[in-house]
């Protein structure tokens, strides 16, 4: 997914932020107010594609390696081990669903 039109819109509207969330349309923050851009909802594959498109290969590898750390802001105490395990289990599920959906050899 090409995000160039969204970046151009940011410049045109003097926006401060763009938000790409699974299950929501792309949102833009203009003057402190967050507004949706259209109504097309993004899927997990699209958000991943957007994130990876702005990273170099080594950054993608590091991001994947430190996924749990990338979701933490580094504020406060470390998350309980049960939370970390749940986050990893969720990530494994996302990866396995993605592989199943994109790999014909997994189809019955």
Protein backbone atom coordinates (compact mmCIF):
# COMPACT_ATOMS: atom_id res chain seq x y z
CA UNK A 1 0.00 0.00 0.00
CA UNK A 2 1.45 3.33 -1.07
CA UNK A 3 1.25 5.89 1.73
CA UNK A 4 2.50 8.79 -0.42
CA UNK A 5 -1.01 10.27 -0.88
CA UNK A 6 -1.47 10.27 2.90
CA UNK A 7 1.87 12.00 3.39
CA UNK A 8 0.94 14.62 0.78
CA UNK A 9 -2.37 15.17 2.57
CA UNK A 10 -0.47 15.66 5.83
CA UNK A 11 1.62 18.39 4.22
CA UNK A 12 -1.40 20.04 2.58
CA UNK A 13 -3.39 20.06 5.84
CA UNK A 14 -0.42 20.78 8.13
CA UNK A 15 -1.22 17.58 10.01
CA UNK A 16 0.95 16.26 12.82
CA UNK A 17 0.20 12.52 12.75
CA UNK A 18 -1.08 9.60 10.71
CA UNK A 19 -2.55 6.51 12.37
CA UNK A 20 -2.67 3.08 10.74
CA UNK A 21 -4.62 0.61 12.90
CA UNK A 22 -6.00 -2.82 12.06
CA UNK A 23 -9.79 -2.73 11.93
CA UNK A 24 -10.00 1.05 11.43
CA UNK A 25 -9.64 3.50 8.56
CA UNK A 26 -6.47 5.56 8.25
CA UNK A 27 -6.74 8.53 10.61
CA UNK A 28 -5.06 11.92 10.45
CA UNK A 29 -4.47 14.43 13.25
CA UNK A 30 -5.03 18.04 12.21
CA UNK A 31 -4.93 20.81 14.80
CA UNK A 32 -5.03 18.29 17.62
CA UNK A 33 -8.17 16.60 16.26
CA UNK A 34 -8.04 13.03 14.93
CA UNK A 35 -10.26 12.36 11.92
CA UNK A 36 -10.70 9.31 9.68
CA UNK A 37 -9.61 9.52 6.06
CA UNK A 38 -12.41 7.73 4.25
CA UNK A 39 -14.10 4.65 5.64
CA UNK A 40 -12.04 1.74 4.27
CA UNK A 41 -10.93 -0.44 7.18
CA UNK A 42 -7.33 -1.70 7.19
CA UNK A 43 -6.52 -5.37 7.60
CA UNK A 44 -3.51 -6.81 9.45
CA UNK A 45 -1.64 -7.50 6.21
CA UNK A 46 -2.05 -3.91 5.07
CA UNK A 47 -0.78 -2.41 8.33
CA UNK A 48 2.21 -4.76 8.33
CA UNK A 49 2.95 -3.82 4.71
CA UNK A 50 2.80 -0.12 5.56
CA UNK A 51 5.07 -0.51 8.58
CA UNK A 52 7.61 -2.59 6.70
CA UNK A 53 7.55 -0.26 3.69
CA UNK A 54 9.09 2.56 5.73
CA UNK A 55 11.79 0.36 7.29
CA UNK A 56 15.05 -0.91 5.89
CA UNK A 57 15.59 -4.69 5.88
CA UNK A 58 17.77 -4.60 8.99
CA UNK A 59 15.15 -2.49 10.79
CA UNK A 60 12.43 -5.02 9.92
CA UNK A 61 14.56 -7.85 11.31
CA UNK A 62 15.24 -5.91 14.51
CA UNK A 63 11.57 -4.96 14.82
CA UNK A 64 10.50 -8.59 14.49
CA UNK A 65 13.16 -9.72 16.94
CA UNK A 66 12.18 -7.21 19.58
CA UNK A 67 8.45 -7.09 18.88
CA UNK A 68 7.36 -7.15 22.51
CA UNK A 69 9.87 -4.44 23.39
CA UNK A 70 8.68 -2.30 20.48
CA UNK A 71 5.17 -2.28 21.94
CA UNK A 72 6.46 -1.10 25.31
CA UNK A 73 7.11 2.56 25.89
CA UNK A 74 9.80 1.81 28.46
CA UNK A 75 7.81 3.53 31.19
CA UNK A 76 7.19 1.87 34.53
CA UNK A 77 7.97 -1.63 35.69
CA UNK A 78 8.49 -4.52 33.27
CA UNK A 79 5.32 -6.36 32.28
CA UNK A 80 4.47 -9.51 34.23
CA UNK A 81 5.68 -12.69 32.53
CA UNK A 82 2.06 -13.79 31.94
CA UNK A 83 1.43 -10.62 29.90
CA UNK A 84 4.59 -11.14 27.87
CA UNK A 85 3.64 -14.76 27.17
CA UNK A 86 0.13 -13.69 26.12
CA UNK A 87 1.60 -11.07 23.76
CA UNK A 88 3.91 -13.64 22.22
CA UNK A 89 1.07 -16.16 21.85
CA UNK A 90 -0.99 -13.48 20.11
CA UNK A 91 1.89 -12.66 17.77
CA UNK A 92 2.40 -16.34 16.96
CA UNK A 93 -1.31 -16.58 16.12
CA UNK A 94 -1.11 -13.56 13.78
CA UNK A 95 1.94 -14.99 12.03
CA UNK A 96 0.40 -18.46 11.69
CA UNK A 97 -2.85 -17.04 10.28
CA UNK A 98 -0.87 -14.89 7.85
CA UNK A 99 1.25 -17.84 6.72
CA UNK A 100 -1.85 -20.02 6.32
CA UNK A 101 -3.62 -17.34 4.26
CA UNK A 102 -0.62 -16.74 2.00
CA UNK A 103 0.85 -20.24 1.66
CA UNK A 104 -1.08 -22.55 -0.64
CA UNK A 105 0.81 -25.56 0.70
CA UNK A 106 -1.14 -25.16 3.98
CA UNK A 107 -4.50 -25.50 2.25
CA UNK A 108 -6.29 -28.79 2.47
